[in-house]
């Protein structure tokens, strides 16, 4: 896992149920970065994007 997100509180959408989902984390130490991981493999790699990239991506989904 990416050390910046070792102790991060990853969250997934409340409507996602128990299925395989993407989890998202922002920590107090990395407020300008967003960590993304696969909920079915939480110990695998974390994709790190900037907060601007996350806003653009999540905004495009709406």
PDB file of N, CA and C in Angstrom:
ATOM      1  N   UNK A   1       0.851  -1.179   0.000  1.00  0.00           N
ATOM      2  CA  UNK A   1       0.000   0.000   0.000  1.00  0.00           C
ATOM      3  C   UNK A   1       0.894   1.239   0.000  1.00  0.00           C
ATOM      4  N   UNK A   2       0.365   2.340  -0.517  1.00  0.00           N
ATOM      5  CA  UNK A   2       1.078   3.596  -0.527  1.00  0.00           C
ATOM      6  C   UNK A   2       1.204   4.102   0.907  1.00  0.00           C
ATOM      7  N   UNK A   3       2.432   4.359   1.393  1.00  0.00           N
ATOM      8  CA  UNK A   3       2.613   4.759   2.801  1.00  0.00           C
ATOM      9  C   UNK A   3       1.756   5.946   3.237  1.00  0.00           C
ATOM     10  N   UNK A   4       1.498   6.898   2.354  1.00  0.00           N
ATOM     11  CA  UNK A   4       0.668   8.051   2.723  1.00  0.00           C
ATOM     12  C   UNK A   4      -0.732   7.642   3.150  1.00  0.00           C
ATOM     13  N   UNK A   5      -1.183   6.477   2.701  1.00  0.00           N
ATOM     14  CA  UNK A   5      -2.546   6.038   2.979  1.00  0.00           C
ATOM     15  C   UNK A   5      -2.598   4.780   3.837  1.00  0.00           C
ATOM     16  N   UNK A   6      -1.486   4.445   4.503  1.00  0.00           N
ATOM     17  CA  UNK A   6      -1.437   3.242   5.338  1.00  0.00           C
ATOM     18  C   UNK A   6      -2.533   3.200   6.398  1.00  0.00           C
ATOM     19  N   UNK A   7      -2.811   4.310   7.031  1.00  0.00           N
ATOM     20  CA  UNK A   7      -3.786   4.343   8.120  1.00  0.00           C
ATOM     21  C   UNK A   7      -5.015   5.183   7.763  1.00  0.00           C
ATOM     22  N   UNK A   8      -5.239   5.331   6.463  1.00  0.00           N
ATOM     23  CA  UNK A   8      -6.359   6.150   6.003  1.00  0.00           C
ATOM     24  C   UNK A   8      -7.679   5.428   6.218  1.00  0.00           C
ATOM     25  N   UNK A   9      -8.707   6.206   6.388  1.00  0.00           N
ATOM     26  CA  UNK A   9     -10.064   5.694   6.532  1.00  0.00           C
ATOM     27  C   UNK A   9     -10.721   5.715   5.155  1.00  0.00           C
ATOM     28  N   UNK A  10     -10.618   4.601   4.441  1.00  0.00           N
ATOM     29  CA  UNK A  10     -11.206   4.501   3.111  1.00  0.00           C
ATOM     30  C   UNK A  10     -12.710   4.322   3.233  1.00  0.00           C
ATOM     31  N   UNK A  11     -13.438   4.964   2.328  1.00  0.00           N
ATOM     32  CA  UNK A  11     -14.900   4.885   2.333  1.00  0.00           C
ATOM     33  C   UNK A  11     -15.405   4.580   0.935  1.00  0.00           C
ATOM     34  N   UNK A  12     -16.569   3.946   0.893  1.00  0.00           N
ATOM     35  CA  UNK A  12     -17.225   3.724  -0.390  1.00  0.00           C
ATOM     36  C   UNK A  12     -18.633   4.280  -0.302  1.00  0.00           C
ATOM     37  N   UNK A  13     -19.253   4.441  -1.436  1.00  0.00           N
ATOM     38  CA  UNK A  13     -20.595   5.021  -1.478  1.00  0.00           C
ATOM     39  C   UNK A  13     -21.564   4.175  -0.677  1.00  0.00           C
ATOM     40  N   UNK A  14     -22.452   4.818   0.042  1.00  0.00           N
ATOM     41  CA  UNK A  14     -23.409   4.098   0.878  1.00  0.00           C
ATOM     42  C   UNK A  14     -24.357   3.236   0.050  1.00  0.00           C
ATOM     43  N   UNK A  15     -24.595   3.603  -1.192  1.00  0.00           N
ATOM     44  CA  UNK A  15     -25.480   2.835  -2.055  1.00  0.00           C
ATOM     45  C   UNK A  15     -24.805   1.667  -2.746  1.00  0.00           C
ATOM     46  N   UNK A  16     -23.524   1.433  -2.438  1.00  0.00           N
ATOM     47  CA  UNK A  16     -22.795   0.385  -3.145  1.00  0.00           C
ATOM     48  C   UNK A  16     -23.079  -1.014  -2.612  1.00  0.00           C
ATOM     49  N   UNK A  17     -23.697  -1.124  -1.455  1.00  0.00           N
ATOM     50  CA  UNK A  17     -24.002  -2.442  -0.888  1.00  0.00           C
ATOM     51  C   UNK A  17     -22.737  -3.200  -0.522  1.00  0.00           C
ATOM     52  N   UNK A  18     -22.756  -4.498  -0.742  1.00  0.00           N
ATOM     53  CA  UNK A  18     -21.596  -5.317  -0.388  1.00  0.00           C
ATOM     54  C   UNK A  18     -20.795  -5.727  -1.613  1.00  0.00           C
ATOM     55  N   UNK A  19     -21.139  -5.178  -2.777  1.00  0.00           N
ATOM     56  CA  UNK A  19     -20.435  -5.527  -4.007  1.00  0.00           C
ATOM     57  C   UNK A  19     -19.027  -4.974  -4.049  1.00  0.00           C
ATOM     58  N   UNK A  20     -18.320  -5.340  -5.095  1.00  0.00           N
ATOM     59  CA  UNK A  20     -16.960  -4.847  -5.284  1.00  0.00           C
ATOM     60  C   UNK A  20     -17.021  -3.390  -5.723  1.00  0.00           C
ATOM     61  N   UNK A  21     -16.293  -2.544  -5.023  1.00  0.00           N
ATOM     62  CA  UNK A  21     -16.387  -1.105  -5.246  1.00  0.00           C
ATOM     63  C   UNK A  21     -15.022  -0.457  -5.186  1.00  0.00           C
ATOM     64  N   UNK A  22     -15.002   0.783  -5.599  1.00  0.00           N
ATOM     65  CA  UNK A  22     -13.824   1.622  -5.414  1.00  0.00           C
ATOM     66  C   UNK A  22     -14.006   2.339  -4.086  1.00  0.00           C
ATOM     67  N   UNK A  23     -12.951   2.346  -3.288  1.00  0.00           N
ATOM     68  CA  UNK A  23     -12.972   3.075  -2.019  1.00  0.00           C
ATOM     69  C   UNK A  23     -12.090   4.311  -2.154  1.00  0.00           C
ATOM     70  N   UNK A  24     -12.460   5.373  -1.450  1.00  0.00           N
ATOM     71  CA  UNK A  24     -11.789   6.663  -1.555  1.00  0.00           C
ATOM     72  C   UNK A  24     -11.327   7.120  -0.181  1.00  0.00           C
ATOM     73  N   UNK A  25     -10.146   7.738  -0.136  1.00  0.00           N
ATOM     74  CA  UNK A  25      -9.637   8.277   1.134  1.00  0.00           C
ATOM     75  C   UNK A  25      -8.914   9.600   0.910  1.00  0.00           C
ATOM     76  N   UNK A  26      -9.149  10.511   1.831  1.00  0.00           N
ATOM     77  CA  UNK A  26      -8.399  11.756   1.927  1.00  0.00           C
ATOM     78  C   UNK A  26      -7.964  11.843   3.377  1.00  0.00           C
ATOM     79  N   UNK A  27      -6.700  12.077   3.622  1.00  0.00           N
ATOM     80  CA  UNK A  27      -6.216  12.132   5.003  1.00  0.00           C
ATOM     81  C   UNK A  27      -5.799  13.551   5.373  1.00  0.00           C
ATOM     82  N   UNK A  28      -5.646  13.795   6.645  1.00  0.00           N
ATOM     83  CA  UNK A  28      -5.216  15.127   7.105  1.00  0.00           C
ATOM     84  C   UNK A  28      -3.808  15.446   6.632  1.00  0.00           C
ATOM     85  N   UNK A  29      -3.017  14.413   6.323  1.00  0.00           N
ATOM     86  CA  UNK A  29      -1.639  14.615   5.866  1.00  0.00           C
ATOM     87  C   UNK A  29      -1.559  14.786   4.358  1.00  0.00           C
ATOM     88  N   UNK A  30      -2.621  14.425   3.658  1.00  0.00           N
ATOM     89  CA  UNK A  30      -2.600  14.469   2.190  1.00  0.00           C
ATOM     90  C   UNK A  30      -3.867  15.128   1.653  1.00  0.00           C
ATOM     91  N   UNK A  31      -4.193  16.301   2.145  1.00  0.00           N
ATOM     92  CA  UNK A  31      -5.443  16.943   1.751  1.00  0.00           C
ATOM     93  C   UNK A  31      -5.457  17.318   0.268  1.00  0.00           C
ATOM     94  N   UNK A  32      -4.308  17.400  -0.371  1.00  0.00           N
ATOM     95  CA  UNK A  32      -4.265  17.717  -1.798  1.00  0.00           C
ATOM     96  C   UNK A  32      -4.216  16.463  -2.663  1.00  0.00           C
ATOM     97  N   UNK A  33      -4.253  15.277  -2.028  1.00  0.00           N
ATOM     98  CA  UNK A  33      -4.228  14.008  -2.742  1.00  0.00           C
ATOM     99  C   UNK A  33      -5.403  13.134  -2.320  1.00  0.00           C
ATOM    100  N   UNK A  34      -5.861  12.312  -3.246  1.00  0.00           N
ATOM    101  CA  UNK A  34      -6.955  11.384  -2.988  1.00  0.00           C
ATOM    102  C   UNK A  34      -6.457   9.983  -3.307  1.00  0.00           C
ATOM    103  N   UNK A  35      -6.690   9.053  -2.393  1.00  0.00           N
ATOM    104  CA  UNK A  35      -6.304   7.659  -2.612  1.00  0.00           C
ATOM    105  C   UNK A  35      -7.513   6.840  -3.026  1.00  0.00           C
ATOM    106  N   UNK A  36      -7.340   6.000  -4.033  1.00  0.00           N
ATOM    107  CA  UNK A  36      -8.401   5.128  -4.525  1.00  0.00           C
ATOM    108  C   UNK A  36      -7.900   3.692  -4.466  1.00  0.00           C
ATOM    109  N   UNK A  37      -8.757   2.777  -4.021  1.00  0.00           N
ATOM    110  CA  UNK A  37      -8.365   1.376  -3.982  1.00  0.00           C
ATOM    111  C   UNK A  37      -9.572   0.488  -4.282  1.00  0.00           C
ATOM    112  N   UNK A  38      -9.279  -0.758  -4.587  1.00  0.00           N
ATOM    113  CA  UNK A  38     -10.290  -1.767  -4.892  1.00  0.00           C
ATOM    114  C   UNK A  38     -10.747  -2.376  -3.573  1.00  0.00           C
ATOM    115  N   UNK A  39     -12.044  -2.332  -3.291  1.00  0.00           N
ATOM    116  CA  UNK A  39     -12.550  -2.826  -2.007  1.00  0.00           C
ATOM    117  C   UNK A  39     -12.351  -4.327  -1.825  1.00  0.00           C
ATOM    118  N   UNK A  40     -12.281  -5.078  -2.904  1.00  0.00           N
ATOM    119  CA  UNK A  40     -12.100  -6.522  -2.759  1.00  0.00           C
ATOM    120  C   UNK A  40     -10.634  -6.898  -2.561  1.00  0.00           C
ATOM    121  N   UNK A  41      -9.714  -5.945  -2.797  1.00  0.00           N
ATOM    122  CA  UNK A  41      -8.277  -6.167  -2.584  1.00  0.00           C
ATOM    123  C   UNK A  41      -7.672  -4.954  -1.883  1.00  0.00           C
ATOM    124  N   UNK A  42      -8.086  -4.660  -0.663  1.00  0.00           N
ATOM    125  CA  UNK A  42      -7.646  -3.428  -0.003  1.00  0.00           C
ATOM    126  C   UNK A  42      -6.147  -3.355   0.297  1.00  0.00           C
ATOM    127  N   UNK A  43      -5.463  -4.476   0.298  1.00  0.00           N
ATOM    128  CA  UNK A  43      -4.030  -4.459   0.557  1.00  0.00           C
ATOM    129  C   UNK A  43      -3.185  -4.213  -0.675  1.00  0.00           C
ATOM    130  N   UNK A  44      -3.828  -4.171  -1.841  1.00  0.00           N
ATOM    131  CA  UNK A  44      -3.099  -3.920  -3.079  1.00  0.00           C
ATOM    132  C   UNK A  44      -2.793  -2.440  -3.228  1.00  0.00           C
ATOM    133  N   UNK A  45      -2.276  -2.080  -4.366  1.00  0.00           N
ATOM    134  CA  UNK A  45      -1.845  -0.707  -4.634  1.00  0.00           C
ATOM    135  C   UNK A  45      -2.988   0.297  -4.487  1.00  0.00           C
ATOM    136  N   UNK A  46      -2.608   1.502  -4.108  1.00  0.00           N
ATOM    137  CA  UNK A  46      -3.531   2.631  -4.021  1.00  0.00           C
ATOM    138  C   UNK A  46      -3.199   3.562  -5.183  1.00  0.00           C
ATOM    139  N   UNK A  47      -4.209   3.892  -5.962  1.00  0.00           N
ATOM    140  CA  UNK A  47      -4.044   4.879  -7.023  1.00  0.00           C
ATOM    141  C   UNK A  47      -4.173   6.251  -6.378  1.00  0.00           C
ATOM    142  N   UNK A  48      -3.191   7.110  -6.588  1.00  0.00           N
ATOM    143  CA  UNK A  48      -3.196   8.439  -5.983  1.00  0.00           C
ATOM    144  C   UNK A  48      -3.391   9.473  -7.081  1.00  0.00           C
ATOM    145  N   UNK A  49      -4.390  10.344  -6.899  1.00  0.00           N
ATOM    146  CA  UNK A  49      -4.663  11.432  -7.835  1.00  0.00           C
ATOM    147  C   UNK A  49      -4.735  12.736  -7.042  1.00  0.00           C
ATOM    148  N   UNK A  50      -4.584  13.841  -7.739  1.00  0.00           N
ATOM    149  CA  UNK A  50      -4.699  15.132  -7.056  1.00  0.00           C
ATOM    150  C   UNK A  50      -6.174  15.415  -6.765  1.00  0.00           C
ATOM    151  N   UNK A  51      -6.402  16.318  -5.835  1.00  0.00           N
ATOM    152  CA  UNK A  51      -7.783  16.665  -5.508  1.00  0.00           C
ATOM    153  C   UNK A  51      -8.485  17.286  -6.721  1.00  0.00           C
ATOM    154  N   UNK A  52      -7.752  18.024  -7.541  1.00  0.00           N
ATOM    155  CA  UNK A  52      -8.339  18.607  -8.746  1.00  0.00           C
ATOM    156  C   UNK A  52      -8.756  17.515  -9.728  1.00  0.00           C
ATOM    157  N   UNK A  53      -7.932  16.485  -9.876  1.00  0.00           N
ATOM    158  CA  UNK A  53      -8.277  15.364 -10.761  1.00  0.00           C
ATOM    159  C   UNK A  53      -9.508  14.627 -10.246  1.00  0.00           C
ATOM    160  N   UNK A  54      -9.580  14.446  -8.932  1.00  0.00           N
ATOM    161  CA  UNK A  54     -10.735  13.755  -8.334  1.00  0.00           C
ATOM    162  C   UNK A  54     -12.019  14.557  -8.551  1.00  0.00           C
ATOM    163  N   UNK A  55     -11.953  15.866  -8.357  1.00  0.00           N
ATOM    164  CA  UNK A  55     -13.128  16.716  -8.552  1.00  0.00           C
ATOM    165  C   UNK A  55     -13.586  16.656 -10.007  1.00  0.00           C
ATOM    166  N   UNK A  56     -12.650  16.704 -10.942  1.00  0.00           N
ATOM    167  CA  UNK A  56     -13.009  16.631 -12.365  1.00  0.00           C
ATOM    168  C   UNK A  56     -13.637  15.278 -12.686  1.00  0.00           C
ATOM    169  N   UNK A  57     -13.052  14.205 -12.176  1.00  0.00           N
ATOM    170  CA  UNK A  57     -13.553  12.862 -12.447  1.00  0.00           C
ATOM    171  C   UNK A  57     -14.942  12.660 -11.838  1.00  0.00           C
ATOM    172  N   UNK A  58     -15.072  12.953 -10.559  1.00  0.00           N
ATOM    173  CA  UNK A  58     -16.361  12.721  -9.891  1.00  0.00           C
ATOM    174  C   UNK A  58     -17.440  13.656 -10.416  1.00  0.00           C
ATOM    175  N   UNK A  59     -17.061  14.859 -10.823  1.00  0.00           N
ATOM    176  CA  UNK A  59     -18.029  15.782 -11.409  1.00  0.00           C
ATOM    177  C   UNK A  59     -18.539  15.303 -12.748  1.00  0.00           C
ATOM    178  N   UNK A  60     -17.684  14.624 -13.494  1.00  0.00           N
ATOM    179  CA  UNK A  60     -18.086  14.106 -14.811  1.00  0.00           C
ATOM    180  C   UNK A  60     -19.069  12.952 -14.684  1.00  0.00           C
ATOM    181  N   UNK A  61     -19.111  12.313 -13.519  1.00  0.00           N
ATOM    182  CA  UNK A  61     -20.018  11.180 -13.299  1.00  0.00           C
ATOM    183  C   UNK A  61     -21.447  11.628 -13.007  1.00  0.00           C
ATOM    184  N   UNK A  62     -21.599  12.859 -12.596  1.00  0.00           N
ATOM    185  CA  UNK A  62     -22.932  13.369 -12.217  1.00  0.00           C
ATOM    186  C   UNK A  62     -23.797  13.633 -13.420  1.00  0.00           C
TER     187      UNK A  62
END
